[in-house]
């Protein structure tokens, strides 16, 4: 039995193979865009108030400068420990007065154990607590669904103090982002 490629080649109609090649190219492009996004996030670490910054005083000064220069809102890095992010903003508010601009918390659903490990070990400013990494690791092939559950829990945890969230779909999985949005409505 001949394969599709052999039949198309024998007919001299190689352009019929193009849709499959285009799909492969688009999938590769999505992966590259995701990794470039991670690199951009790492580069912007200094430009955004980090949820668990190494130098709280410096981050407070950056936040104050951004407010003075007319920032309309603030985006955090992806948050996996809401208490740390909340603590930073509470400390800032205690020293400098209430931040009068919206704070949007980054939510990056974990896709699996490798994804969590990469973010935790390779992306500056992202720290994933051991308990969350253990959950995503234990989920095995159900990692994406466990990542959705974790994301929903994180959103519920930041809801009392953040003015909103923004969801960063991992690996172009907008369907998982849609599940999260449906669950938190």
Protein backbone atom coordinates (compact mmCIF):
# COMPACT_ATOMS: atom_id res chain seq x y z
CA UNK A 1 0.00 0.00 0.00
CA UNK A 2 1.44 3.36 -1.01
CA UNK A 3 1.58 6.30 1.33
CA UNK A 4 -0.10 9.59 0.56
CA UNK A 5 3.29 11.16 -0.14
CA UNK A 6 4.22 8.45 -2.66
CA UNK A 7 0.92 8.75 -4.50
CA UNK A 8 1.11 12.54 -4.66
CA UNK A 9 4.75 12.38 -5.79
CA UNK A 10 3.89 9.90 -8.55
CA UNK A 11 1.14 12.25 -9.75
CA UNK A 12 3.55 15.17 -9.76
CA UNK A 13 1.25 17.17 -7.47
CA UNK A 14 3.57 17.95 -4.56
CA UNK A 15 1.66 21.14 -3.74
CA UNK A 16 -1.09 18.89 -2.28
CA UNK A 17 1.28 18.12 0.59
CA UNK A 18 1.43 21.81 1.45
CA UNK A 19 -1.41 21.89 4.05
CA UNK A 20 0.39 19.34 6.22
CA UNK A 21 3.65 21.24 5.91
CA UNK A 22 1.90 24.50 6.74
CA UNK A 23 0.38 22.93 9.87
CA UNK A 24 3.79 21.66 10.97
CA UNK A 25 5.29 25.08 10.34
CA UNK A 26 2.56 26.83 12.30
CA UNK A 27 3.01 24.44 15.23
CA UNK A 28 6.77 25.11 15.23
CA UNK A 29 6.07 28.84 15.04
CA UNK A 30 3.79 28.61 18.09
CA UNK A 31 6.53 26.87 20.07
CA UNK A 32 9.08 29.52 19.05
CA UNK A 33 6.70 32.34 19.96
CA UNK A 34 6.17 30.77 23.38
CA UNK A 35 9.90 30.58 24.09
CA UNK A 36 10.42 34.14 22.83
CA UNK A 37 7.63 35.24 25.16
CA UNK A 38 9.45 33.60 28.07
CA UNK A 39 12.65 35.38 27.06
CA UNK A 40 10.82 38.70 26.83
CA UNK A 41 9.32 38.11 30.26
CA UNK A 42 12.78 37.51 31.65
CA UNK A 43 14.11 40.68 30.01
CA UNK A 44 11.21 42.73 31.34
CA UNK A 45 11.71 41.47 34.88
CA UNK A 46 13.32 44.74 35.88
CA UNK A 47 10.61 46.80 34.20
CA UNK A 48 7.66 45.20 36.02
CA UNK A 49 6.92 44.93 39.70
CA UNK A 50 7.94 41.37 40.45
CA UNK A 51 5.66 39.33 42.68
CA UNK A 52 8.57 37.95 44.66
CA UNK A 53 11.39 40.41 44.05
CA UNK A 54 14.86 39.88 45.44
CA UNK A 55 15.09 43.55 46.50
CA UNK A 56 11.77 44.87 47.82
CA UNK A 57 13.11 48.38 48.36
CA UNK A 58 14.30 48.62 44.75
CA UNK A 59 11.00 47.27 43.45
CA UNK A 60 9.13 49.79 45.59
CA UNK A 61 11.23 52.60 44.13
CA UNK A 62 10.53 51.35 40.59
CA UNK A 63 6.82 51.19 41.30
CA UNK A 64 6.87 54.69 42.77
CA UNK A 65 8.75 56.02 39.71
CA UNK A 66 6.26 54.38 37.35
CA UNK A 67 3.37 55.98 39.21
CA UNK A 68 5.10 59.38 39.04
CA UNK A 69 5.60 58.93 35.29
CA UNK A 70 1.92 58.23 34.67
CA UNK A 71 1.58 54.45 34.58
CA UNK A 72 -2.09 53.52 34.11
CA UNK A 73 -1.84 49.95 35.43
CA UNK A 74 0.65 47.32 36.55
CA UNK A 75 1.26 43.79 35.29
CA UNK A 76 2.97 41.28 37.53
CA UNK A 77 5.06 38.37 36.42
CA UNK A 78 3.17 35.05 36.55
CA UNK A 79 2.23 34.44 40.19
CA UNK A 80 2.31 31.00 41.80
CA UNK A 81 2.37 32.15 45.44
CA UNK A 82 -0.30 34.84 45.89
CA UNK A 83 0.72 35.53 49.49
CA UNK A 84 4.15 36.74 48.36
CA UNK A 85 2.69 39.11 45.75
CA UNK A 86 0.06 40.37 48.17
CA UNK A 87 2.75 40.90 50.81
CA UNK A 88 4.78 43.05 48.41
CA UNK A 89 1.84 45.31 47.58
CA UNK A 90 0.76 45.52 51.24
CA UNK A 91 4.29 46.55 52.22
CA UNK A 92 4.34 49.14 49.44
CA UNK A 93 0.95 50.50 50.47
CA UNK A 94 2.06 50.70 54.10
CA UNK A 95 5.13 52.77 53.23
CA UNK A 96 3.84 54.84 50.31
CA UNK A 97 0.06 54.89 50.45
CA UNK A 98 -2.43 52.88 48.45
CA UNK A 99 -1.57 52.14 44.81
CA UNK A 100 -4.44 53.89 43.01
CA UNK A 101 -3.88 52.08 39.71
CA UNK A 102 -5.12 48.61 38.77
CA UNK A 103 -2.84 45.67 39.47
CA UNK A 104 -3.25 42.82 36.99
CA UNK A 105 -1.77 39.54 38.13
CA UNK A 106 -0.15 37.23 35.58
CA UNK A 107 -1.52 33.68 35.45
CA UNK A 108 0.47 31.20 33.38
CA UNK A 109 -1.21 27.77 33.58
CA UNK A 110 1.34 25.01 33.99
CA UNK A 111 1.31 22.36 31.28
CA UNK A 112 3.36 19.66 32.95
CA UNK A 113 6.31 18.90 35.20
CA UNK A 114 8.93 19.89 32.58
CA UNK A 115 7.16 23.20 32.01
CA UNK A 116 7.04 23.92 35.76
CA UNK A 117 10.69 22.97 36.18
CA UNK A 118 11.77 25.18 33.27
CA UNK A 119 9.87 28.20 34.58
CA UNK A 120 11.09 27.70 38.14
CA UNK A 121 14.74 27.11 37.26
CA UNK A 122 15.31 29.13 34.09
CA UNK A 123 13.04 32.20 34.11
CA UNK A 124 14.19 34.96 36.47
CA UNK A 125 11.49 36.17 38.82
CA UNK A 126 9.30 33.08 38.57
CA UNK A 127 9.30 30.87 41.62
CA UNK A 128 6.90 27.96 41.80
CA UNK A 129 6.36 26.59 45.31
CA UNK A 130 7.34 22.98 45.93
CA UNK A 131 3.72 22.00 46.65
CA UNK A 132 2.55 23.20 43.23
CA UNK A 133 5.47 21.53 41.44
CA UNK A 134 4.68 18.30 43.29
CA UNK A 135 1.01 18.50 42.24
CA UNK A 136 1.82 19.06 38.58
CA UNK A 137 4.43 16.29 38.68
CA UNK A 138 1.97 13.84 40.29
CA UNK A 139 -0.62 14.69 37.63
CA UNK A 140 1.49 13.03 34.91
CA UNK A 141 -0.33 13.07 31.58
CA UNK A 142 -3.19 14.98 33.25
CA UNK A 143 -0.75 17.88 33.75
CA UNK A 144 -2.62 20.39 31.59
CA UNK A 145 -5.87 19.81 33.50
CA UNK A 146 -4.07 20.06 36.84
CA UNK A 147 -2.52 23.29 35.56
CA UNK A 148 -6.03 24.60 34.87
CA UNK A 149 -7.13 23.66 38.41
CA UNK A 150 -4.08 25.37 39.91
CA UNK A 151 -4.67 28.49 37.79
CA UNK A 152 -8.29 28.68 38.98
CA UNK A 153 -7.13 28.37 42.61
CA UNK A 154 -4.55 31.12 42.09
CA UNK A 155 -7.13 33.44 40.54
CA UNK A 156 -9.50 32.85 43.46
CA UNK A 157 -6.64 33.64 45.86
CA UNK A 158 -5.75 36.99 44.20
CA UNK A 159 -9.37 38.05 43.59
CA UNK A 160 -9.71 39.88 46.96
CA UNK A 161 -6.78 42.23 46.36
CA UNK A 162 -5.98 42.35 42.63
CA UNK A 163 -8.05 44.36 40.19
CA UNK A 164 -7.77 41.66 37.54
CA UNK A 165 -5.70 38.93 35.98
CA UNK A 166 -4.27 38.26 32.57
CA UNK A 167 -3.89 34.69 31.37
CA UNK A 168 -0.84 33.60 29.40
CA UNK A 169 -1.76 30.45 27.45
CA UNK A 170 1.07 27.93 27.48
CA UNK A 171 2.08 26.45 24.13
CA UNK A 172 -0.79 28.14 22.30
CA UNK A 173 -3.38 26.15 24.30
CA UNK A 174 -6.09 28.78 24.19
CA UNK A 175 -8.63 26.06 24.94
CA UNK A 176 -7.17 25.74 28.44
CA UNK A 177 -7.34 29.51 28.91
CA UNK A 178 -10.99 29.36 27.84
CA UNK A 179 -11.65 26.66 30.47
CA UNK A 180 -10.15 28.90 33.13
CA UNK A 181 -12.25 31.86 32.03
CA UNK A 182 -15.42 29.77 32.07
CA UNK A 183 -14.63 28.50 35.56
CA UNK A 184 -14.00 31.93 37.11
CA UNK A 185 -16.97 33.79 35.62
